[in-house]
């Protein structure tokens, strides 16, 4: 399994051929749980790092947060990261099946004739689930490595401390102590986004190769545009749902702000009469 998850970076075609020849579903699940374990470890380390930095910053506030309040806040932050770990685990597990479904539905849209001629459709769907964690690894593993470098670029404790001091002094200007932290975070963000984008493009290429090897009667364009259509539709649906949620929250906030208790009391009194 470890040989496959690293060789797919350098020899994707040969690695995919071995995976499809071996058809070891147990190793595929092992790769999935390896991704979950690494993400859980990373989020746990971030939870400890973030909560400790936040605790140190809160202890600097005179009369605002005591040690007990700061400790409670740190546990709350750890709880948030635990929820993030569980959500990430569920996402990685379900992504195996969503990838298989999206590819099949997309291919039925752009290559319906070829799909009707395809034999052993259930086995091919299982092969899509088998290669999914290895292709997902292409994008996620470099992101995990870059995330480990955050403490080297971003001094979170100094950032929080400077932000607290600025708020207590009542000034909107950025303290000089925050400048190195901000520059470090900008450098890390730029490098991380560039690497993530490159790995995402590479992941798409490897997935197109995998789809072509599993469905040898579809073209490269069909292997690309089929899943792309479904992923694009899902993206726009999620964006629309998010925008609708924001408008709903804004409407609720406006109605709460315009609520007049005296008018409501008068209306209830009138109804009671």
Protein backbone atom coordinates (compact mmCIF):
# COMPACT_ATOMS: atom_id res chain seq x y z
CA UNK A 1 0.00 0.00 0.00
CA UNK A 2 2.73 2.50 0.98
CA UNK A 3 4.59 1.69 -2.22
CA UNK A 4 1.52 2.54 -4.28
CA UNK A 5 0.65 5.78 -2.48
CA UNK A 6 4.14 7.17 -3.14
CA UNK A 7 4.80 5.70 -6.59
CA UNK A 8 1.58 7.22 -7.98
CA UNK A 9 3.27 10.63 -7.74
CA UNK A 10 6.08 9.61 -10.10
CA UNK A 11 4.77 6.66 -12.14
CA UNK A 12 0.98 7.08 -12.27
CA UNK A 13 0.37 4.89 -15.32
CA UNK A 14 2.43 1.97 -14.02
CA UNK A 15 0.94 2.31 -10.53
CA UNK A 16 -2.61 2.35 -11.87
CA UNK A 17 -1.86 -0.74 -13.97
CA UNK A 18 -0.63 -2.57 -10.85
CA UNK A 19 -3.63 -1.46 -8.80
CA UNK A 20 -6.10 -2.59 -11.46
CA UNK A 21 -4.21 -5.88 -11.93
CA UNK A 22 -4.01 -6.67 -8.19
CA UNK A 23 -7.56 -5.44 -7.40
CA UNK A 24 -6.75 -5.47 -3.70
CA UNK A 25 -9.74 -3.76 -2.11
CA UNK A 26 -8.26 -4.18 1.37
CA UNK A 27 -5.21 -2.11 0.45
CA UNK A 28 -7.50 0.54 -1.00
CA UNK A 29 -9.39 0.81 2.28
CA UNK A 30 -6.02 0.94 4.03
CA UNK A 31 -5.07 3.97 1.93
CA UNK A 32 -8.39 5.59 2.85
CA UNK A 33 -7.83 5.09 6.57
CA UNK A 34 -4.23 6.30 6.20
CA UNK A 35 -5.57 9.59 4.85
CA UNK A 36 -8.07 9.80 7.70
CA UNK A 37 -5.39 9.08 10.29
CA UNK A 38 -2.98 11.69 8.92
CA UNK A 39 -5.71 14.33 8.79
CA UNK A 40 -6.81 13.49 12.32
CA UNK A 41 -3.23 13.75 13.60
CA UNK A 42 -2.69 17.07 11.84
CA UNK A 43 -5.94 18.58 13.12
CA UNK A 44 -5.20 17.36 16.63
CA UNK A 45 -1.76 18.99 16.59
CA UNK A 46 -3.30 22.19 15.26
CA UNK A 47 -5.92 22.07 18.01
CA UNK A 48 -3.24 21.86 20.69
CA UNK A 49 -1.11 24.57 19.06
CA UNK A 50 -4.04 26.92 18.51
CA UNK A 51 -5.60 26.43 21.96
CA UNK A 52 -2.30 27.01 23.76
CA UNK A 53 -1.62 30.18 21.79
CA UNK A 54 -5.13 31.41 22.48
CA UNK A 55 -4.82 30.61 26.18
CA UNK A 56 -1.56 32.56 26.46
CA UNK A 57 -3.14 35.54 24.70
CA UNK A 58 -6.24 35.56 26.90
CA UNK A 59 -4.18 35.44 30.07
CA UNK A 60 -2.65 38.79 29.08
CA UNK A 61 -6.02 40.56 29.25
CA UNK A 62 -6.33 42.40 32.57
CA UNK A 63 -9.63 41.48 34.18
CA UNK A 64 -11.03 40.10 30.93
CA UNK A 65 -10.18 36.43 31.05
CA UNK A 66 -8.88 34.57 34.02
CA UNK A 67 -6.93 31.36 33.86
CA UNK A 68 -10.14 29.34 34.31
CA UNK A 69 -11.93 31.15 31.49
CA UNK A 70 -8.91 30.76 29.24
CA UNK A 71 -8.77 27.05 30.03
CA UNK A 72 -12.45 26.68 29.18
CA UNK A 73 -11.90 28.52 25.92
CA UNK A 74 -9.00 26.24 25.03
CA UNK A 75 -11.18 23.17 25.62
CA UNK A 76 -13.89 24.69 23.44
CA UNK A 77 -11.35 25.13 20.66
CA UNK A 78 -10.20 21.53 21.06
CA UNK A 79 -13.85 20.47 20.79
CA UNK A 80 -14.15 22.39 17.54
CA UNK A 81 -11.12 20.58 16.16
CA UNK A 82 -12.54 17.21 17.26
CA UNK A 83 -15.70 17.97 15.29
CA UNK A 84 -13.49 18.93 12.33
CA UNK A 85 -11.68 15.58 12.62
CA UNK A 86 -14.97 13.65 12.56
CA UNK A 87 -16.27 15.71 9.63
CA UNK A 88 -13.05 15.10 7.68
CA UNK A 89 -13.23 11.35 8.35
CA UNK A 90 -16.83 11.19 7.10
CA UNK A 91 -15.93 13.24 4.02
CA UNK A 92 -12.99 10.99 3.07
CA UNK A 93 -15.06 7.83 3.58
CA UNK A 94 -17.99 9.08 1.52
CA UNK A 95 -15.73 10.50 -1.19
CA UNK A 96 -14.94 6.93 -2.32
CA UNK A 97 -18.56 6.35 -3.22
CA UNK A 98 -19.32 9.85 -4.50
CA UNK A 99 -16.38 9.65 -6.90
CA UNK A 100 -17.67 6.38 -8.32
CA UNK A 101 -21.24 7.70 -8.65
CA UNK A 102 -20.19 11.01 -10.21
CA UNK A 103 -17.98 9.32 -12.80
CA UNK A 104 -20.69 6.85 -13.79
CA UNK A 105 -23.43 9.49 -14.02
CA UNK A 106 -21.14 11.85 -15.93
CA UNK A 107 -20.17 9.14 -18.41
CA UNK A 108 -23.84 8.27 -18.95
CA UNK A 109 -24.41 11.94 -19.87
CA UNK A 110 -21.53 12.36 -22.33
CA UNK A 111 -21.02 8.76 -23.50
CA UNK A 112 -24.33 6.96 -23.15
CA UNK A 113 -23.72 4.65 -26.13
CA UNK A 114 -20.35 3.50 -24.81
CA UNK A 115 -21.82 2.97 -21.35
CA UNK A 116 -24.61 0.81 -22.74
CA UNK A 117 -21.95 -1.35 -24.38
CA UNK A 118 -19.92 -1.60 -21.17
CA UNK A 119 -19.88 -5.01 -19.50
CA UNK A 120 -19.43 -5.76 -15.79
CA UNK A 121 -20.58 -2.29 -14.73
CA UNK A 122 -20.62 -3.24 -11.07
CA UNK A 123 -17.00 -4.40 -11.22
CA UNK A 124 -15.93 -1.20 -12.98
CA UNK A 125 -17.67 0.88 -10.30
CA UNK A 126 -15.74 -1.09 -7.67
CA UNK A 127 -12.49 -0.33 -9.52
CA UNK A 128 -13.32 3.39 -9.43
CA UNK A 129 -13.69 3.16 -5.66
CA UNK A 130 -10.45 1.17 -5.48
CA UNK A 131 -8.29 3.83 -7.19
CA UNK A 132 -10.03 6.82 -5.58
CA UNK A 133 -7.97 7.09 -2.35
CA UNK A 134 -4.69 6.89 -4.28
CA UNK A 135 -5.75 9.75 -6.56
CA UNK A 136 -7.10 11.71 -3.60
CA UNK A 137 -3.71 11.22 -1.92
CA UNK A 138 -2.05 13.15 -4.79
CA UNK A 139 -3.66 16.40 -3.69
CA UNK A 140 -4.00 15.85 0.04
CA UNK A 141 -0.51 14.64 0.94
CA UNK A 142 1.37 17.80 -0.22
CA UNK A 143 -1.29 19.91 1.51
CA UNK A 144 -0.68 18.02 4.74
CA UNK A 145 3.06 18.55 4.50
CA UNK A 146 2.61 22.27 3.89
CA UNK A 147 0.24 22.53 6.83
CA UNK A 148 2.97 21.24 9.13
CA UNK A 149 5.05 24.30 8.19
CA UNK A 150 2.47 26.80 9.48
CA UNK A 151 4.19 27.24 12.90
CA UNK A 152 7.44 28.10 11.11
CA UNK A 153 5.82 30.90 9.09
CA UNK A 154 3.11 32.09 11.46
CA UNK A 155 3.75 32.88 15.13
CA UNK A 156 0.16 32.58 16.31
CA UNK A 157 0.97 33.42 19.93
CA UNK A 158 2.67 36.70 18.98
CA UNK A 159 -0.18 37.50 16.59
CA UNK A 160 -2.87 37.05 19.25
CA UNK A 161 -0.83 38.93 21.83
CA UNK A 162 -0.35 41.91 19.50
CA UNK A 163 -4.04 41.86 18.53
CA UNK A 164 -5.10 41.88 22.20
CA UNK A 165 -2.77 44.75 23.03
CA UNK A 166 -4.04 46.74 20.06
CA UNK A 167 -7.66 46.23 21.12
CA UNK A 168 -6.97 47.21 24.73
CA UNK A 169 -5.18 50.37 23.60
CA UNK A 170 -8.16 51.27 21.40
CA UNK A 171 -6.19 51.75 18.19
CA UNK A 172 -7.01 50.44 14.73
CA UNK A 173 -3.42 50.54 13.50
CA UNK A 174 -1.55 47.29 13.02
CA UNK A 175 1.14 46.88 15.70
CA UNK A 176 4.68 46.32 14.50
CA UNK A 177 4.71 42.95 16.28
CA UNK A 178 1.94 41.68 13.97
CA UNK A 179 3.78 42.51 10.74
CA UNK A 180 6.19 39.49 10.68
CA UNK A 181 3.33 37.12 11.48
CA UNK A 182 1.17 38.58 8.70
CA UNK A 183 4.02 38.46 6.16
CA UNK A 184 4.82 34.87 7.12
CA UNK A 185 1.18 33.85 6.76
CA UNK A 186 0.92 35.54 3.36
CA UNK A 187 4.07 33.76 2.14
CA UNK A 188 2.79 30.39 3.38
CA UNK A 189 -0.66 31.01 1.89
CA UNK A 190 0.79 31.90 -1.51
CA UNK A 191 3.07 28.85 -1.64
CA UNK A 192 0.33 26.56 -0.32
CA UNK A 193 -2.27 27.75 -2.84
CA UNK A 194 0.20 27.41 -5.72
CA UNK A 195 1.19 23.87 -4.75
CA UNK A 196 -2.43 22.85 -4.07
CA UNK A 197 -3.55 24.15 -7.47
CA UNK A 198 -0.74 22.29 -9.23
CA UNK A 199 -1.51 19.06 -7.38
CA UNK A 200 -5.22 19.45 -8.14
CA UNK A 201 -4.45 19.68 -11.88
CA UNK A 202 -2.18 16.63 -11.58
CA UNK A 203 -4.91 14.76 -9.70
CA UNK A 204 -7.42 15.47 -12.48
CA UNK A 205 -4.95 14.18 -15.08
CA UNK A 206 -4.31 10.96 -13.14
CA UNK A 207 -8.04 10.43 -12.61
CA UNK A 208 -8.70 10.83 -16.33
CA UNK A 209 -6.01 8.22 -16.99
CA UNK A 210 -7.63 5.90 -14.43
CA UNK A 211 -11.10 6.32 -15.95
CA UNK A 212 -9.69 5.57 -19.41
CA UNK A 213 -8.03 2.39 -18.12
CA UNK A 214 -11.26 1.23 -16.45
CA UNK A 215 -13.59 2.30 -19.29
CA UNK A 216 -11.38 1.67 -22.32
CA UNK A 217 -14.20 2.49 -24.77
CA UNK A 218 -14.49 6.17 -23.76
CA UNK A 219 -12.31 8.99 -25.06
CA UNK A 220 -10.07 11.31 -23.05
CA UNK A 221 -12.54 14.18 -23.53
CA UNK A 222 -15.43 12.04 -22.29
CA UNK A 223 -13.39 10.83 -19.30
CA UNK A 224 -12.70 14.47 -18.38
CA UNK A 225 -15.98 16.25 -19.15
CA UNK A 226 -18.26 13.53 -17.72
CA UNK A 227 -17.15 13.87 -14.08
CA UNK A 228 -16.47 17.60 -14.59
CA UNK A 229 -20.13 18.27 -15.42
CA UNK A 230 -21.35 16.53 -12.26
CA UNK A 231 -18.76 18.16 -9.99
CA UNK A 232 -19.56 21.58 -11.50
CA UNK A 233 -23.29 21.06 -10.92
CA UNK A 234 -22.67 20.03 -7.32
CA UNK A 235 -20.44 23.07 -6.82
CA UNK A 236 -23.11 25.47 -8.08
CA UNK A 237 -25.79 23.76 -5.98
CA UNK A 238 -23.66 24.15 -2.83
CA UNK A 239 -22.89 27.79 -3.68
CA UNK A 240 -26.60 28.50 -4.24
CA UNK A 241 -27.49 26.81 -0.94
CA UNK A 242 -24.83 28.82 0.88
CA UNK A 243 -26.03 32.12 -0.63
CA UNK A 244 -29.63 31.25 0.24
CA UNK A 245 -28.55 30.49 3.82
CA UNK A 246 -26.77 33.87 4.07
CA UNK A 247 -29.86 35.71 2.80
CA UNK A 248 -32.02 33.79 5.29
CA UNK A 249 -29.71 34.76 8.16
CA UNK A 250 -29.75 38.39 7.01
CA UNK A 251 -33.55 38.38 6.84
CA UNK A 252 -33.81 36.90 10.33
CA UNK A 253 -31.34 39.48 11.67
CA UNK A 254 -33.30 42.34 10.07
CA UNK A 255 -36.59 41.10 11.52
CA UNK A 256 -35.04 40.80 14.99
CA UNK A 257 -33.58 44.33 14.79
CA UNK A 258 -36.92 45.80 13.72
CA UNK A 259 -38.87 44.01 16.45
CA UNK A 260 -40.77 46.48 18.67
CA UNK A 261 -41.67 44.98 22.07
CA UNK A 262 -44.21 47.73 22.91
CA UNK A 263 -46.08 47.23 19.64
CA UNK A 264 -46.11 43.47 20.14
CA UNK A 265 -47.45 43.92 23.71
CA UNK A 266 -50.19 46.25 22.49
CA UNK A 267 -51.19 43.76 19.79
CA UNK A 268 -51.39 40.91 22.31
CA UNK A 269 -53.48 43.04 24.67
CA UNK A 270 -55.86 43.86 21.82
CA UNK A 271 -56.21 40.16 20.97
CA UNK A 272 -56.88 39.26 24.59
CA UNK A 273 -59.67 41.82 24.73
